[in-house]
Amino acid sequence: MNSYGSFPGARPRRLRTTPAMRRMVAETRLDPADLILPAFVREGVSEPVPIGAMPGVVQHTRDTLRRAAVEALEAGVSGIMLFGVPEDAKKDALGTAGTDPDGILQLAIRDVRSEVGDELIVMSDLCLDEFTDHGHCGVLDEGGRVDNDATLERYAEMAQVQADAGVHVVGPSGMMDGQVGVVRDALDTIGKEDVAILAYTAKYSSAFYGPFREAVGSSLKGDRKTYQQDPANLRESMRELALDLEEGADMVMVKPAGPYLDVLAKVAEAVDVPVAAYQISGEYAMVEAAAEKGWIDRDKAIMETLTGIRRAGAQMILTYWATEAAQKLRSARR
């Protein structure tokens, strides 16, 4: 038995003794309001279509999307990010379905706004990849490379039709140089100054996007390494951050989240605007697959990953578990 005053004098374990003690001294807290639900809506289907690589996630019909938005709202989720999946026959080289006022994404924006009004923030993916027959995020030049400036013209038009449909926030995600500034000008030109921009500031060329390609029915040929960021680089993200802020970004994002927590922390330390992180499809699929095998505790793993993203500095987390996690958080507090 140790004598009075002997080592150890400091015992951090005293603050871990009970669930109540751990809860009281927790440095990072998750709240339903931190969460945003990404959701897919598919044109021309009468029933939700399960996404094989993302168990539990579906391509919604317009009606089931409305219900999903209401469920998210009731759970306390702050926002919903919408992705449109057009019929294959409507895809073309310019992604014209993405700028059609009656295209599936614009219809979905109107549907959700009519259902939730201003109570749930309605966000939209501002990118052409779902709508092009080549699957790239922009217009291709004669050599088959993405033409940055021609793509910006398409983004400007896309921003305007999404704003006219009633979106609260646009998310330009194509990683084109100058995209935030062009989108801001396009919105202001038509009197949509109140529509905010969530800039996909650091979007890496990641292997973890695989399941998402199924979710949006991607027609991608090749890869996106010439415009999405190299996973090896961090300083490059800080340069992208400075440019996005200069161009008028209201919020900034790091994507993916889990493999890039160092980037997220660096961005969060550097800015005074809200910071988001996107827990992407591959991150979701890994947890679901391991849990299905019985290798990990699914619910604990979900909350641990979300807490880690929040701890790294994200004020907002886009996650396919948003509604489920929000419901669990609320239930735990009762």
Protein backbone atom coordinates (compact mmCIF):
# COMPACT_ATOMS: atom_id res chain seq x y z
CA MET A 1 0.00 0.00 0.00
CA ASN A 2 1.34 3.42 -0.98
CA SER A 3 2.08 5.93 1.76
CA TYR A 4 0.39 9.35 1.88
CA GLY A 5 1.63 11.62 -0.87
CA SER A 6 3.31 8.90 -2.91
CA PHE A 7 3.11 8.51 -6.67
CA PRO A 8 0.78 8.84 -8.47
CA GLY A 9 -0.49 12.16 -7.18
CA ALA A 10 -2.30 13.00 -10.41
CA ARG A 11 -5.04 10.55 -11.35
CA PRO A 12 -6.85 11.53 -14.58
CA ARG A 13 -8.92 8.35 -14.21
CA ARG A 14 -10.96 10.11 -11.52
CA LEU A 15 -12.74 11.91 -14.34
CA ARG A 16 -13.62 8.64 -16.10
CA THR A 17 -15.22 6.77 -13.22
CA THR A 18 -18.90 6.81 -14.26
CA PRO A 19 -20.97 7.61 -17.36
CA ALA A 20 -22.26 10.75 -15.62
CA MET A 21 -18.70 11.90 -14.86
CA ARG A 22 -17.54 11.25 -18.42
CA ARG A 23 -20.54 13.09 -19.80
CA MET A 24 -19.94 16.08 -17.53
CA VAL A 25 -16.29 16.55 -18.56
CA ALA A 26 -16.67 15.66 -22.26
CA GLU A 27 -14.76 18.14 -24.42
CA THR A 28 -16.64 17.37 -27.61
CA ARG A 29 -20.41 17.01 -27.85
CA LEU A 30 -22.47 15.84 -30.77
CA ASP A 31 -25.85 17.44 -31.35
CA PRO A 32 -28.50 16.64 -33.95
CA ALA A 33 -28.12 20.18 -35.25
CA ASP A 34 -24.53 19.36 -36.27
CA LEU A 35 -25.77 16.88 -38.87
CA ILE A 36 -26.77 17.17 -42.53
CA LEU A 37 -28.37 14.32 -44.49
CA PRO A 38 -27.19 13.68 -48.06
CA ALA A 39 -30.07 12.21 -50.08
CA PHE A 40 -30.49 10.89 -53.62
CA VAL A 41 -33.61 11.25 -55.72
CA ARG A 42 -33.98 9.26 -58.92
CA GLU A 43 -36.07 10.16 -61.90
CA GLY A 44 -38.62 7.71 -63.24
CA VAL A 45 -38.90 5.24 -60.35
CA SER A 46 -42.05 4.35 -58.44
CA GLU A 47 -40.31 2.74 -55.47
CA PRO A 48 -37.07 3.54 -53.65
CA VAL A 49 -34.09 1.75 -55.18
CA PRO A 50 -31.63 0.24 -52.65
CA ILE A 51 -27.97 1.08 -53.17
CA GLY A 52 -26.10 -2.20 -52.95
CA ALA A 53 -22.80 -0.76 -51.73
CA MET A 54 -24.52 1.41 -49.11
CA PRO A 55 -26.86 -0.80 -47.05
CA GLY A 56 -29.76 1.23 -45.70
CA VAL A 57 -29.40 4.05 -48.24
CA VAL A 58 -31.69 4.35 -51.27
CA GLN A 59 -32.33 6.35 -54.37
CA HIS A 60 -35.59 8.02 -53.38
CA THR A 61 -38.70 8.67 -55.36
CA ARG A 62 -39.96 12.22 -55.12
CA ASP A 63 -42.54 11.14 -52.55
CA THR A 64 -40.17 9.16 -50.35
CA LEU A 65 -37.70 12.04 -50.48
CA ARG A 66 -40.34 14.29 -49.00
CA ARG A 67 -40.88 11.81 -46.17
CA ALA A 68 -37.14 11.49 -45.57
CA ALA A 69 -36.86 15.26 -45.29
CA VAL A 70 -39.67 15.41 -42.73
CA GLU A 71 -38.11 12.56 -40.75
CA ALA A 72 -34.78 14.38 -40.70
CA LEU A 73 -36.45 17.58 -39.56
CA GLU A 74 -38.31 15.80 -36.77
CA ALA A 75 -35.04 14.23 -35.60
CA GLY A 76 -33.44 17.65 -35.28
CA VAL A 77 -31.12 17.43 -38.30
CA SER A 78 -30.21 20.88 -39.64
CA GLY A 79 -30.11 20.28 -43.36
CA ILE A 80 -30.51 17.96 -46.32
CA MET A 81 -28.12 17.89 -49.30
CA LEU A 82 -29.87 16.79 -52.49
CA PHE A 83 -28.38 14.85 -55.40
CA GLY A 84 -30.42 14.26 -58.55
CA VAL A 85 -30.19 11.06 -60.59
CA PRO A 86 -31.65 11.58 -64.07
CA GLU A 87 -32.77 8.90 -66.50
CA ASP A 88 -29.83 7.66 -68.57
CA ALA A 89 -31.45 8.86 -71.78
CA LYS A 90 -31.30 12.45 -70.50
CA LYS A 91 -27.54 12.45 -69.93
CA ASP A 92 -25.44 14.26 -72.52
CA ALA A 93 -22.01 15.82 -72.93
CA LEU A 94 -23.07 19.14 -71.39
CA GLY A 95 -25.19 17.79 -68.55
CA THR A 96 -28.19 19.79 -69.72
CA ALA A 97 -30.57 17.94 -67.38
CA GLY A 98 -28.74 19.68 -64.55
CA THR A 99 -29.82 23.10 -65.79
CA ASP A 100 -33.32 22.17 -66.89
CA PRO A 101 -35.76 24.04 -64.59
CA ASP A 102 -37.87 20.88 -64.66
CA GLY A 103 -34.93 18.51 -64.17
CA ILE A 104 -35.07 16.00 -61.35
CA LEU A 105 -32.84 17.98 -58.97
CA GLN A 106 -34.81 21.19 -59.39
CA LEU A 107 -38.08 19.30 -58.90
CA ALA A 108 -36.69 17.70 -55.76
CA ILE A 109 -35.66 21.09 -54.37
CA ARG A 110 -39.21 22.38 -54.90
CA ASP A 111 -40.70 19.23 -53.39
CA VAL A 112 -38.64 19.42 -50.23
CA ARG A 113 -39.08 23.17 -49.80
CA SER A 114 -42.85 22.77 -50.11
CA GLU A 115 -42.71 20.09 -47.41
CA VAL A 116 -40.36 21.69 -44.86
CA GLY A 117 -40.31 25.38 -45.76
CA ASP A 118 -37.50 27.14 -43.92
CA GLU A 119 -37.42 24.71 -40.99
CA LEU A 120 -34.85 22.46 -42.66
CA ILE A 121 -31.98 23.91 -44.68
CA VAL A 122 -32.31 22.64 -48.24
CA MET A 123 -28.94 22.26 -49.96
CA SER A 124 -28.15 21.11 -53.48
CA ASP A 125 -25.15 19.58 -55.15
CA LEU A 126 -23.94 21.98 -57.80
CA CYS A 127 -22.02 19.73 -60.16
CA LEU A 128 -22.51 18.15 -63.57
CA ASP A 129 -21.22 14.63 -62.96
CA GLU A 130 -24.64 13.11 -62.33
CA PHE A 131 -25.92 14.60 -65.58
CA THR A 132 -23.10 14.04 -68.09
CA ASP A 133 -22.80 10.95 -70.26
CA HIS A 134 -19.03 10.88 -69.60
CA GLY A 135 -19.44 11.22 -65.82
CA HIS A 136 -17.03 14.10 -65.35
CA CYS A 137 -17.82 17.18 -63.29
CA GLY A 138 -17.57 19.54 -66.24
CA VAL A 139 -17.55 20.11 -69.97
CA LEU A 140 -14.85 18.29 -71.93
CA ASP A 141 -12.60 19.92 -74.50
CA GLU A 142 -11.55 18.37 -77.80
CA GLY A 143 -8.80 16.45 -76.05
CA GLY A 144 -11.17 14.90 -73.55
CA ARG A 145 -9.97 17.00 -70.61
CA VAL A 146 -12.33 19.00 -68.41
CA ASP A 147 -12.49 22.58 -69.67
CA ASN A 148 -12.43 24.70 -66.52
CA ASP A 149 -13.82 27.95 -67.89
CA ALA A 150 -16.50 26.40 -70.09
CA THR A 151 -17.60 24.43 -67.03
CA LEU A 152 -17.89 27.61 -64.97
CA GLU A 153 -20.48 28.91 -67.42
CA ARG A 154 -22.53 25.78 -66.85
CA TYR A 155 -22.16 26.13 -63.06
CA ALA A 156 -23.44 29.70 -63.21
CA GLU A 157 -26.58 28.56 -65.01
CA MET A 158 -26.98 25.62 -62.64
CA ALA A 159 -26.76 27.90 -59.62
CA GLN A 160 -29.48 30.12 -60.99
CA VAL A 161 -31.98 27.33 -61.70
CA GLN A 162 -31.36 25.80 -58.29
CA ALA A 163 -31.90 29.18 -56.64
CA ASP A 164 -35.08 29.72 -58.63
CA ALA A 165 -36.28 26.32 -57.38
CA GLY A 166 -35.91 27.56 -53.81
CA VAL A 167 -32.64 26.14 -52.50
CA HIS A 168 -31.16 27.73 -49.37
CA VAL A 169 -27.55 26.66 -49.98
CA VAL A 170 -25.68 25.58 -53.10
CA GLY A 171 -22.68 23.29 -52.88
CA PRO A 172 -20.33 23.71 -55.85
CA SER A 173 -18.42 20.43 -55.67
CA GLY A 174 -16.59 20.13 -58.99
CA MET A 175 -13.26 21.66 -57.86
CA MET A 176 -13.07 24.02 -60.81
CA ASP A 177 -10.80 27.03 -60.33
CA GLY A 178 -12.92 30.13 -59.71
CA GLN A 179 -16.18 28.25 -59.16
CA VAL A 180 -17.19 30.05 -55.96
CA GLY A 181 -16.74 33.51 -57.43
CA VAL A 182 -18.67 32.65 -60.59
CA VAL A 183 -21.52 31.09 -58.63
CA ARG A 184 -21.69 34.09 -56.28
CA ASP A 185 -21.90 36.50 -59.21
CA ALA A 186 -24.52 34.35 -60.94
CA LEU A 187 -26.71 34.28 -57.83
CA ASP A 188 -26.36 38.00 -57.13
CA THR A 189 -27.16 38.85 -60.74
CA ILE A 190 -30.66 37.38 -60.41
CA GLY A 191 -31.31 38.86 -56.98
CA LYS A 192 -30.57 35.68 -55.00
CA GLU A 193 -28.13 37.30 -52.58
CA ASP A 194 -29.57 35.29 -49.69
CA VAL A 195 -28.63 31.92 -51.20
CA ALA A 196 -25.49 30.78 -49.40
CA ILE A 197 -22.51 28.93 -50.82
CA LEU A 198 -21.03 25.88 -49.12
CA ALA A 199 -17.69 25.60 -50.87
CA TYR A 200 -16.21 22.16 -51.39
CA THR A 201 -12.86 23.69 -50.58
CA ALA A 202 -10.74 20.59 -50.09
CA LYS A 203 -12.18 17.74 -52.12
CA TYR A 204 -9.67 14.98 -52.57
CA SER A 205 -9.40 12.43 -55.36
CA SER A 206 -10.30 9.55 -53.08
CA ALA A 207 -10.76 5.81 -53.39
CA PHE A 208 -13.60 6.11 -50.89
CA TYR A 209 -16.07 7.58 -53.42
CA GLY A 210 -16.74 4.15 -54.95
CA PRO A 211 -20.21 3.49 -53.49
CA PHE A 212 -21.32 7.03 -54.37
CA ARG A 213 -20.76 6.25 -58.04
CA GLU A 214 -23.42 3.58 -57.75
CA ALA A 215 -25.68 5.93 -55.81
CA VAL A 216 -25.76 8.51 -58.61
CA GLY A 217 -25.55 6.06 -61.50
CA SER A 218 -22.23 7.55 -62.57
CA SER A 219 -21.10 7.18 -66.17
CA LEU A 220 -17.52 8.12 -65.29
CA LYS A 221 -14.80 7.19 -67.72
CA GLY A 222 -11.27 7.68 -66.42
CA ASP A 223 -10.64 9.56 -63.18
CA ARG A 224 -10.82 13.06 -61.71
CA LYS A 225 -7.20 13.50 -60.66
CA THR A 226 -6.69 16.60 -62.84
CA TYR A 227 -9.19 18.63 -60.83
CA GLN A 228 -9.76 16.93 -57.47
CA GLN A 229 -6.91 17.26 -54.99
CA ASP A 230 -3.98 14.91 -54.55
CA PRO A 231 -4.33 12.97 -51.25
CA ALA A 232 -0.65 13.68 -50.53
CA ASN A 233 -1.14 17.45 -50.24
CA LEU A 234 -2.18 19.65 -47.34
CA ARG A 235 -0.74 23.10 -48.17
CA GLU A 236 -2.65 22.96 -51.42
CA SER A 237 -5.88 22.81 -49.40
CA MET A 238 -4.94 25.98 -47.55
CA ARG A 239 -4.42 27.73 -50.87
CA GLU A 240 -7.81 26.53 -52.07
CA LEU A 241 -9.28 27.78 -48.79
CA ALA A 242 -7.86 31.27 -49.22
CA LEU A 243 -9.21 31.47 -52.77
CA ASP A 244 -12.70 30.26 -51.80
CA LEU A 245 -12.96 32.80 -48.99
CA GLU A 246 -11.75 35.59 -51.26
CA GLU A 247 -14.38 34.60 -53.81
CA GLY A 248 -17.21 34.78 -51.27
CA ALA A 249 -17.70 31.33 -49.74
CA ASP A 250 -20.07 31.46 -46.76
CA MET A 251 -19.05 28.02 -45.47
CA VAL A 252 -16.22 25.65 -46.38
CA MET A 253 -15.93 21.87 -46.52
CA VAL A 254 -13.36 19.11 -46.34
CA LYS A 255 -14.23 15.88 -48.18
CA PRO A 256 -13.72 13.02 -47.34
CA ALA A 257 -13.76 13.46 -43.57
CA GLY A 258 -12.16 10.49 -41.81
CA PRO A 259 -8.95 10.10 -43.84
CA TYR A 260 -8.39 13.88 -43.81
CA LEU A 261 -8.91 14.89 -40.18
CA ASP A 262 -5.55 16.68 -40.20
CA VAL A 263 -6.71 18.84 -43.09
CA LEU A 264 -10.02 19.47 -41.35
CA ALA A 265 -8.28 20.57 -38.15
CA LYS A 266 -5.97 22.91 -40.07
CA VAL A 267 -8.87 24.49 -41.95
CA ALA A 268 -10.94 24.89 -38.78
CA GLU A 269 -8.07 26.67 -37.04
CA ALA A 270 -7.58 29.07 -39.94
CA VAL A 271 -11.09 30.42 -40.59
CA ASP A 272 -13.92 32.33 -38.98
CA VAL A 273 -16.64 30.86 -41.20
CA PRO A 274 -18.53 27.62 -40.50
CA VAL A 275 -16.63 24.45 -41.40
CA ALA A 276 -18.24 21.27 -42.72
CA ALA A 277 -16.92 17.79 -43.37
CA TYR A 278 -18.48 15.09 -45.53
CA GLN A 279 -18.36 11.54 -44.20
CA ILE A 280 -18.54 9.95 -47.61
CA SER A 281 -19.97 6.77 -49.03
CA GLY A 282 -16.86 4.64 -48.60
CA GLU A 283 -16.54 5.64 -44.95
CA TYR A 284 -20.18 4.65 -44.44
CA ALA A 285 -19.79 1.39 -46.36
CA MET A 286 -16.73 0.27 -44.39
CA VAL A 287 -18.51 0.57 -41.05
CA GLU A 288 -21.66 -1.11 -42.34
CA ALA A 289 -19.69 -3.98 -43.89
CA ALA A 290 -17.57 -4.59 -40.80
CA ALA A 291 -20.65 -4.44 -38.58
CA GLU A 292 -22.50 -6.91 -40.83
CA LYS A 293 -19.57 -9.31 -40.38
CA GLY A 294 -19.81 -8.87 -36.62
CA TRP A 295 -16.31 -7.41 -36.46
CA ILE A 296 -17.29 -4.10 -34.81
CA ASP A 297 -20.14 -2.64 -32.79
CA ARG A 298 -22.05 -0.68 -35.43
CA ASP A 299 -23.74 1.93 -33.22
CA LYS A 300 -20.62 2.68 -31.21
CA ALA A 301 -18.52 2.93 -34.36
CA ILE A 302 -20.95 5.39 -35.93
CA MET A 303 -20.88 7.69 -32.93
CA GLU A 304 -17.11 7.39 -32.56
CA THR A 305 -16.47 8.38 -36.16
CA LEU A 306 -18.86 11.34 -35.91
CA THR A 307 -17.32 12.47 -32.64
CA GLY A 308 -13.85 12.31 -34.18
CA ILE A 309 -14.93 14.50 -37.09
CA ARG A 310 -16.56 16.96 -34.71
CA ARG A 311 -13.48 16.98 -32.45
CA ALA A 312 -11.25 17.78 -35.44
CA GLY A 313 -13.20 20.99 -35.99
CA ALA A 314 -16.26 20.34 -38.13
CA GLN A 315 -19.30 22.32 -37.04
CA MET A 316 -21.42 20.50 -39.62
CA ILE A 317 -21.14 16.88 -40.68
CA LEU A 318 -22.71 15.49 -43.83
CA THR A 319 -23.38 11.84 -43.07
CA TYR A 320 -25.73 9.16 -44.35
CA TRP A 321 -26.41 8.31 -40.71
CA ALA A 322 -27.66 11.84 -39.96
CA THR A 323 -31.28 11.02 -39.13
CA GLU A 324 -30.47 7.80 -37.29
CA ALA A 325 -27.67 9.41 -35.29
CA ALA A 326 -29.85 12.42 -34.43
CA GLN A 327 -32.62 10.14 -33.19
CA LYS A 328 -30.15 8.23 -31.01
CA LEU A 329 -28.69 11.44 -29.60
CA ARG A 330 -32.14 12.71 -28.68
CA SER A 331 -33.14 9.41 -27.14
CA ALA A 332 -29.98 9.31 -25.00
CA ARG A 333 -30.83 12.69 -23.50
CA ARG A 334 -34.32 11.78 -22.38
